[in-house]
N, C-alpha and C. Protein backbone atom coordinates (compact mmCIF):
# COMPACT_ATOMS: atom_id res chain seq x y z
N UNK A 1 167.76 65.28 51.27
CA UNK A 1 167.16 64.36 52.21
C UNK A 1 165.89 65.00 52.76
N UNK A 2 164.82 64.23 52.80
CA UNK A 2 163.56 64.75 53.32
C UNK A 2 163.70 65.01 54.82
N UNK A 3 162.97 66.02 55.27
CA UNK A 3 163.04 66.41 56.68
C UNK A 3 162.64 65.27 57.61
N UNK A 4 161.66 64.47 57.22
CA UNK A 4 161.22 63.35 58.05
C UNK A 4 162.36 62.37 58.26
N UNK A 5 163.11 62.05 57.19
CA UNK A 5 164.22 61.13 57.31
C UNK A 5 165.36 61.74 58.12
N UNK A 6 165.58 63.04 57.98
CA UNK A 6 166.61 63.71 58.77
C UNK A 6 166.26 63.65 60.25
N UNK A 7 164.99 63.94 60.59
CA UNK A 7 164.54 63.83 61.99
C UNK A 7 164.74 62.42 62.51
N UNK A 8 164.37 61.42 61.71
CA UNK A 8 164.51 60.03 62.11
C UNK A 8 165.99 59.69 62.35
N UNK A 9 166.85 60.11 61.45
CA UNK A 9 168.28 59.83 61.57
C UNK A 9 168.85 60.48 62.83
N UNK A 10 168.52 61.74 63.06
CA UNK A 10 169.01 62.45 64.25
C UNK A 10 168.51 61.75 65.51
N UNK A 11 167.24 61.34 65.52
CA UNK A 11 166.68 60.67 66.69
C UNK A 11 167.35 59.32 66.95
N UNK A 12 167.63 58.55 65.89
CA UNK A 12 168.29 57.25 66.06
C UNK A 12 169.72 57.44 66.59
N UNK A 13 170.45 58.38 66.00
CA UNK A 13 171.82 58.63 66.45
C UNK A 13 171.82 59.13 67.90
N UNK A 14 170.87 60.00 68.25
CA UNK A 14 170.77 60.49 69.62
C UNK A 14 170.49 59.33 70.58
N UNK A 15 169.59 58.44 70.21
CA UNK A 15 169.28 57.29 71.07
C UNK A 15 170.51 56.41 71.25
N UNK A 16 171.26 56.15 70.18
CA UNK A 16 172.45 55.31 70.29
C UNK A 16 173.52 55.96 71.16
N UNK A 17 173.73 57.25 70.99
CA UNK A 17 174.73 57.95 71.80
C UNK A 17 174.28 57.99 73.26
N UNK A 18 172.98 58.21 73.50
CA UNK A 18 172.46 58.20 74.87
C UNK A 18 172.64 56.82 75.51
N UNK A 19 172.44 55.76 74.73
CA UNK A 19 172.69 54.41 75.25
C UNK A 19 174.17 54.24 75.63
N UNK A 20 175.07 54.76 74.80
CA UNK A 20 176.49 54.72 75.14
C UNK A 20 176.79 55.48 76.41
N UNK A 21 176.12 56.62 76.60
CA UNK A 21 176.29 57.41 77.81
C UNK A 21 175.83 56.62 79.04
N UNK A 22 174.68 56.01 78.94
CA UNK A 22 174.15 55.21 80.05
C UNK A 22 175.07 54.01 80.31
N UNK A 23 175.49 53.32 79.25
CA UNK A 23 176.32 52.13 79.40
C UNK A 23 177.64 52.46 80.09
N UNK A 24 178.30 53.54 79.65
CA UNK A 24 179.59 53.88 80.28
C UNK A 24 179.39 54.33 81.72
N UNK A 25 178.25 54.99 82.01
CA UNK A 25 177.97 55.37 83.39
C UNK A 25 177.79 54.16 84.28
N UNK A 26 177.02 53.16 83.82
CA UNK A 26 176.83 51.94 84.60
C UNK A 26 178.15 51.16 84.69
N UNK A 27 178.93 51.15 83.63
CA UNK A 27 180.22 50.48 83.63
C UNK A 27 181.11 51.04 84.73
N UNK A 28 181.18 52.36 84.82
CA UNK A 28 182.04 52.98 85.83
C UNK A 28 181.48 52.78 87.24
N UNK A 29 180.19 52.66 87.38
CA UNK A 29 179.60 52.50 88.71
C UNK A 29 179.70 51.06 89.20
N UNK A 30 179.43 50.09 88.34
CA UNK A 30 179.30 48.71 88.79
C UNK A 30 180.46 47.80 88.40
N UNK A 31 181.07 48.02 87.25
CA UNK A 31 182.13 47.13 86.79
C UNK A 31 183.51 47.67 87.19
N UNK A 32 183.72 48.96 87.02
CA UNK A 32 184.99 49.60 87.36
C UNK A 32 184.73 50.69 88.40
N UNK A 33 184.39 50.32 89.63
CA UNK A 33 184.04 51.32 90.63
C UNK A 33 185.23 52.16 91.06
N UNK A 34 184.96 53.18 91.87
CA UNK A 34 186.02 54.04 92.37
C UNK A 34 187.09 53.17 93.03
N UNK A 35 188.32 53.48 92.78
CA UNK A 35 189.43 52.71 93.33
C UNK A 35 189.87 51.56 92.45
N UNK A 36 189.14 51.30 91.36
CA UNK A 36 189.50 50.16 90.51
C UNK A 36 190.84 50.33 89.80
N UNK A 37 191.28 51.54 89.41
CA UNK A 37 192.62 51.62 88.82
C UNK A 37 193.70 51.18 89.80
N UNK A 38 193.48 51.46 91.07
CA UNK A 38 194.43 51.06 92.11
C UNK A 38 194.48 49.54 92.21
N UNK A 39 193.34 48.89 91.94
CA UNK A 39 193.27 47.42 91.99
C UNK A 39 193.69 46.79 90.67
N UNK A 40 194.02 47.59 89.68
CA UNK A 40 194.45 47.07 88.39
C UNK A 40 193.32 46.63 87.48
N UNK A 41 192.08 47.02 87.80
CA UNK A 41 190.94 46.63 86.96
C UNK A 41 190.89 47.50 85.70
N UNK A 42 190.62 46.85 84.57
CA UNK A 42 190.41 47.58 83.32
C UNK A 42 189.53 46.72 82.42
N UNK A 43 188.94 47.35 81.44
CA UNK A 43 188.14 46.64 80.45
C UNK A 43 188.68 47.00 79.07
N UNK A 44 189.08 45.98 78.30
CA UNK A 44 189.64 46.16 76.96
C UNK A 44 190.86 47.08 76.99
N UNK A 45 191.62 47.00 78.08
CA UNK A 45 192.83 47.79 78.22
C UNK A 45 192.60 49.23 78.66
N UNK A 46 191.37 49.58 78.96
CA UNK A 46 191.03 50.95 79.37
C UNK A 46 190.60 50.95 80.83
N UNK A 47 191.22 51.82 81.63
CA UNK A 47 190.84 51.88 83.04
C UNK A 47 189.67 52.85 83.24
N UNK A 48 189.27 53.02 84.50
CA UNK A 48 188.10 53.83 84.83
C UNK A 48 188.23 55.27 84.35
N UNK A 49 189.43 55.81 84.43
CA UNK A 49 189.63 57.21 84.03
C UNK A 49 189.41 57.40 82.52
N UNK A 50 189.89 56.46 81.73
CA UNK A 50 189.69 56.54 80.28
C UNK A 50 188.20 56.38 79.96
N UNK A 51 187.54 55.43 80.63
CA UNK A 51 186.10 55.28 80.41
C UNK A 51 185.35 56.54 80.84
N UNK A 52 185.85 57.23 81.87
CA UNK A 52 185.24 58.50 82.27
C UNK A 52 185.35 59.55 81.18
N UNK A 53 186.49 59.57 80.49
CA UNK A 53 186.65 60.51 79.37
C UNK A 53 185.71 60.15 78.23
N UNK A 54 185.58 58.86 77.94
CA UNK A 54 184.64 58.42 76.89
C UNK A 54 183.22 58.82 77.28
N UNK A 55 182.88 58.64 78.54
CA UNK A 55 181.57 59.04 79.05
C UNK A 55 181.34 60.54 78.85
N UNK A 56 182.36 61.34 79.11
CA UNK A 56 182.27 62.78 78.91
C UNK A 56 182.04 63.12 77.44
N UNK A 57 182.75 62.45 76.54
CA UNK A 57 182.57 62.71 75.11
C UNK A 57 181.17 62.30 74.64
N UNK A 58 180.65 61.20 75.18
CA UNK A 58 179.26 60.84 74.88
C UNK A 58 178.31 61.94 75.33
N UNK A 59 178.56 62.53 76.49
CA UNK A 59 177.67 63.59 76.97
C UNK A 59 177.75 64.82 76.07
N UNK A 60 178.95 65.16 75.59
CA UNK A 60 179.07 66.28 74.65
C UNK A 60 178.28 65.99 73.37
N UNK A 61 178.37 64.75 72.89
CA UNK A 61 177.65 64.38 71.67
C UNK A 61 176.14 64.46 71.87
N UNK A 62 175.67 64.01 73.03
CA UNK A 62 174.23 64.10 73.31
C UNK A 62 173.79 65.56 73.32
N UNK A 63 174.56 66.42 73.95
CA UNK A 63 174.22 67.85 73.99
C UNK A 63 174.15 68.41 72.56
N UNK A 64 175.14 68.11 71.74
CA UNK A 64 175.15 68.61 70.36
C UNK A 64 173.94 68.08 69.58
N UNK A 65 173.62 66.80 69.75
CA UNK A 65 172.48 66.22 69.03
C UNK A 65 171.15 66.80 69.52
N UNK A 66 171.05 67.09 70.79
CA UNK A 66 169.83 67.71 71.31
C UNK A 66 169.68 69.13 70.75
N UNK A 67 170.78 69.84 70.62
CA UNK A 67 170.72 71.18 70.00
C UNK A 67 170.24 71.08 68.55
N UNK A 68 170.74 70.10 67.80
CA UNK A 68 170.28 69.89 66.42
C UNK A 68 168.79 69.52 66.42
N UNK A 69 168.39 68.66 67.35
CA UNK A 69 166.99 68.25 67.45
C UNK A 69 166.10 69.47 67.73
N UNK A 70 166.52 70.33 68.64
CA UNK A 70 165.76 71.55 68.95
C UNK A 70 165.68 72.45 67.72
N UNK A 71 166.78 72.59 66.99
CA UNK A 71 166.78 73.43 65.79
C UNK A 71 165.80 72.89 64.75
N UNK A 72 165.77 71.56 64.59
CA UNK A 72 164.86 70.96 63.61
C UNK A 72 163.39 71.09 64.02
N UNK A 73 163.13 71.18 65.31
CA UNK A 73 161.76 71.26 65.81
C UNK A 73 161.43 72.63 66.39
N UNK A 74 162.21 73.64 66.00
CA UNK A 74 162.07 74.95 66.62
C UNK A 74 160.67 75.53 66.50
N UNK A 75 160.08 75.46 65.34
CA UNK A 75 158.76 76.06 65.14
C UNK A 75 157.74 75.41 66.09
N UNK A 76 157.73 74.11 66.20
CA UNK A 76 156.80 73.42 67.09
C UNK A 76 157.06 73.80 68.55
N UNK A 77 158.34 73.83 68.95
CA UNK A 77 158.70 74.20 70.33
C UNK A 77 158.22 75.61 70.64
N UNK A 78 158.47 76.53 69.72
CA UNK A 78 158.08 77.92 69.94
C UNK A 78 156.56 78.08 70.01
N UNK A 79 155.82 77.38 69.16
CA UNK A 79 154.36 77.45 69.19
C UNK A 79 153.84 76.90 70.52
N UNK A 80 154.37 75.77 70.95
CA UNK A 80 153.92 75.18 72.21
C UNK A 80 154.27 76.09 73.39
N UNK A 81 155.44 76.73 73.34
CA UNK A 81 155.82 77.66 74.41
C UNK A 81 154.86 78.83 74.45
N UNK A 82 154.45 79.32 73.28
CA UNK A 82 153.48 80.42 73.24
C UNK A 82 152.14 79.98 73.84
N UNK A 83 151.72 78.77 73.52
CA UNK A 83 150.44 78.29 74.03
C UNK A 83 150.46 78.13 75.54
N UNK A 84 151.63 77.85 76.09
CA UNK A 84 151.75 77.73 77.54
C UNK A 84 151.95 79.08 78.23
N UNK A 85 152.32 80.09 77.45
CA UNK A 85 152.59 81.41 78.01
C UNK A 85 151.29 82.06 78.49
N UNK A 86 151.35 82.79 79.61
CA UNK A 86 150.15 83.48 80.08
C UNK A 86 149.70 84.54 79.07
N UNK A 87 148.42 84.67 78.90
CA UNK A 87 147.86 85.68 78.00
C UNK A 87 147.69 85.23 76.57
N UNK A 88 148.01 83.99 76.25
CA UNK A 88 147.82 83.51 74.89
C UNK A 88 146.35 83.30 74.66
N UNK A 89 145.81 83.84 73.56
CA UNK A 89 144.38 83.82 73.33
C UNK A 89 143.93 82.81 72.29
N UNK A 90 144.80 81.97 71.81
CA UNK A 90 144.43 81.00 70.78
C UNK A 90 144.87 81.46 69.41
N UNK A 91 144.68 80.61 68.43
CA UNK A 91 145.15 80.92 67.08
C UNK A 91 146.65 80.74 67.00
N UNK A 92 147.16 80.86 65.81
CA UNK A 92 148.60 80.70 65.61
C UNK A 92 149.32 81.98 65.99
N UNK A 93 150.31 81.92 66.87
CA UNK A 93 151.04 83.13 67.24
C UNK A 93 151.91 83.61 66.09
N UNK A 94 152.14 84.91 66.05
CA UNK A 94 153.01 85.47 65.02
C UNK A 94 154.43 84.96 65.20
N UNK A 95 155.16 84.93 64.10
CA UNK A 95 156.51 84.35 64.11
C UNK A 95 157.42 85.06 65.11
N UNK A 96 157.34 86.40 65.18
CA UNK A 96 158.20 87.15 66.11
C UNK A 96 157.94 86.77 67.55
N UNK A 97 156.66 86.75 67.93
CA UNK A 97 156.31 86.40 69.30
C UNK A 97 156.65 84.94 69.58
N UNK A 98 156.37 84.10 68.61
CA UNK A 98 156.64 82.68 68.75
C UNK A 98 158.13 82.44 69.01
N UNK A 99 158.99 83.08 68.22
CA UNK A 99 160.43 82.91 68.39
C UNK A 99 160.92 83.52 69.70
N UNK A 100 160.35 84.65 70.11
CA UNK A 100 160.74 85.28 71.36
C UNK A 100 160.42 84.37 72.55
N UNK A 101 159.21 83.85 72.57
CA UNK A 101 158.81 82.99 73.68
C UNK A 101 159.63 81.70 73.68
N UNK A 102 159.88 81.12 72.52
CA UNK A 102 160.71 79.93 72.43
C UNK A 102 162.13 80.21 72.90
N UNK A 103 162.69 81.34 72.49
CA UNK A 103 164.04 81.70 72.91
C UNK A 103 164.10 81.92 74.42
N UNK A 104 163.07 82.53 74.98
CA UNK A 104 163.02 82.72 76.43
C UNK A 104 162.98 81.38 77.17
N UNK A 105 162.27 80.42 76.60
CA UNK A 105 162.22 79.09 77.20
C UNK A 105 163.60 78.43 77.17
N UNK A 106 164.30 78.53 76.05
CA UNK A 106 165.65 77.97 75.96
C UNK A 106 166.58 78.69 76.93
N UNK A 107 166.48 80.01 77.01
CA UNK A 107 167.31 80.77 77.95
C UNK A 107 167.02 80.37 79.40
N UNK A 108 165.78 80.07 79.70
CA UNK A 108 165.43 79.61 81.04
C UNK A 108 166.17 78.32 81.37
N UNK A 109 166.16 77.36 80.44
CA UNK A 109 166.85 76.10 80.68
C UNK A 109 168.36 76.29 80.80
N UNK A 110 168.93 77.09 79.91
CA UNK A 110 170.37 77.36 79.96
C UNK A 110 170.72 78.07 81.26
N UNK A 111 169.87 79.02 81.66
CA UNK A 111 170.08 79.74 82.92
C UNK A 111 170.02 78.82 84.13
N UNK A 112 169.10 77.87 84.11
CA UNK A 112 169.02 76.91 85.22
C UNK A 112 170.29 76.08 85.32
N UNK A 113 170.78 75.63 84.18
CA UNK A 113 172.01 74.82 84.19
C UNK A 113 173.20 75.66 84.62
N UNK A 114 173.38 76.83 83.99
CA UNK A 114 174.52 77.68 84.32
C UNK A 114 174.44 78.17 85.77
N UNK A 115 173.25 78.55 86.20
CA UNK A 115 173.09 79.02 87.58
C UNK A 115 173.39 77.95 88.60
N UNK A 116 172.91 76.74 88.34
CA UNK A 116 173.17 75.66 89.30
C UNK A 116 174.65 75.29 89.33
N UNK A 117 175.33 75.33 88.17
CA UNK A 117 176.77 75.06 88.16
C UNK A 117 177.54 76.15 88.89
N UNK A 118 177.12 77.41 88.71
CA UNK A 118 177.77 78.51 89.44
C UNK A 118 177.56 78.34 90.93
N UNK A 119 176.34 78.03 91.35
CA UNK A 119 176.06 77.81 92.77
C UNK A 119 176.90 76.66 93.31
N UNK A 120 177.00 75.58 92.56
CA UNK A 120 177.82 74.45 92.99
C UNK A 120 179.28 74.87 93.14
N UNK A 121 179.77 75.73 92.23
CA UNK A 121 181.17 76.15 92.32
C UNK A 121 181.42 77.02 93.54
N UNK A 122 180.41 77.77 93.98
CA UNK A 122 180.58 78.61 95.17
C UNK A 122 180.47 77.80 96.45
N UNK A 123 179.84 76.64 96.39
CA UNK A 123 179.67 75.81 97.58
C UNK A 123 180.72 74.71 97.70
N UNK A 124 181.63 74.64 96.74
CA UNK A 124 182.66 73.61 96.75
C UNK A 124 183.68 73.91 97.85
N UNK A 125 184.03 72.88 98.61
CA UNK A 125 185.03 73.04 99.68
C UNK A 125 186.14 72.02 99.46
N UNK A 126 187.32 72.36 99.97
CA UNK A 126 188.47 71.45 99.87
C UNK A 126 188.54 70.65 101.16
N UNK A 127 188.67 69.35 101.02
CA UNK A 127 188.82 68.46 102.16
C UNK A 127 190.31 68.29 102.43
N UNK A 128 190.80 68.88 103.52
CA UNK A 128 192.22 68.81 103.85
C UNK A 128 192.54 67.68 104.81
N UNK A 129 191.65 66.72 104.91
CA UNK A 129 191.89 65.57 105.78
C UNK A 129 193.08 64.78 105.25
N UNK A 130 194.04 64.43 106.12
CA UNK A 130 195.18 63.64 105.65
C UNK A 130 194.74 62.28 105.12
N UNK A 131 195.38 61.84 104.08
CA UNK A 131 195.06 60.56 103.45
C UNK A 131 196.16 59.55 103.76
N UNK A 132 195.81 58.31 103.78
CA UNK A 132 196.81 57.25 103.94
C UNK A 132 197.33 57.18 105.36
N UNK A 133 198.54 56.67 105.52
CA UNK A 133 199.10 56.45 106.85
C UNK A 133 200.14 57.50 107.24
N UNK A 134 200.24 58.56 106.47
CA UNK A 134 201.16 59.63 106.81
C UNK A 134 202.58 59.40 106.31
N UNK A 135 202.88 58.24 105.75
CA UNK A 135 204.23 57.95 105.25
C UNK A 135 204.24 57.87 103.73
N UNK A 136 203.21 58.39 103.08
CA UNK A 136 203.17 58.34 101.64
C UNK A 136 202.37 57.18 101.10
N UNK A 137 201.85 56.34 102.00
CA UNK A 137 201.02 55.23 101.56
C UNK A 137 199.58 55.72 101.49
N UNK A 138 199.00 55.71 100.34
CA UNK A 138 197.63 56.18 100.19
C UNK A 138 197.44 56.72 98.80
N UNK A 139 196.36 57.43 98.62
CA UNK A 139 196.00 57.88 97.29
C UNK A 139 196.38 59.31 97.00
N UNK A 140 197.48 59.79 97.56
CA UNK A 140 197.88 61.18 97.36
C UNK A 140 198.39 61.44 95.95
N UNK A 141 198.96 62.62 95.76
CA UNK A 141 199.40 63.02 94.42
C UNK A 141 200.55 62.15 93.92
N UNK A 142 201.19 61.43 94.84
CA UNK A 142 202.30 60.57 94.45
C UNK A 142 201.81 59.22 93.95
N UNK A 143 200.49 59.01 93.96
CA UNK A 143 199.96 57.75 93.47
C UNK A 143 200.14 56.60 94.43
N UNK A 144 200.33 56.91 95.72
CA UNK A 144 200.43 55.87 96.72
C UNK A 144 201.82 55.28 96.88
N UNK A 145 202.82 55.88 96.24
CA UNK A 145 204.19 55.35 96.39
C UNK A 145 204.74 55.74 97.77
N UNK A 146 205.50 54.87 98.33
CA UNK A 146 206.09 55.14 99.66
C UNK A 146 207.18 56.20 99.54
N UNK A 147 207.38 56.90 100.67
CA UNK A 147 208.45 57.88 100.73
C UNK A 147 209.79 57.17 100.63
N UNK A 148 210.72 57.79 99.95
CA UNK A 148 212.09 57.25 99.91
C UNK A 148 212.78 57.73 101.16
N UNK A 149 213.30 56.80 101.95
CA UNK A 149 213.94 57.19 103.22
C UNK A 149 215.41 56.98 103.17
């Protein structure tokens, strides 16, 4: 398969998966909002939690496809990163420098994501506010069932 057709195929599949990601996100926000499983709402027999899992799998697929896209366009990404790097004097950068600068750019993005997730994990707090009416009615771990008396 020619590289142009491979790029086109990857881009089309990425766009379709991204549309699925957006669609499931909007579905969970507007059609099956928080609390909808409690109200018995579902679409095609799937409740909000199942759609959330589908949404998660779409996000994994987008990440994988973006990694493939970056691999297919690595030389261009690395050259552009070199051109943006301070001290670049023009001309085509050598392959070693080009790959180093491109890899540093990718590490920067990965570091931003990992660092922000780590920061979020350190700032997470548990809300110990009692839920429901104190007799087991509410959204606790029992699923809102009343206490047996």
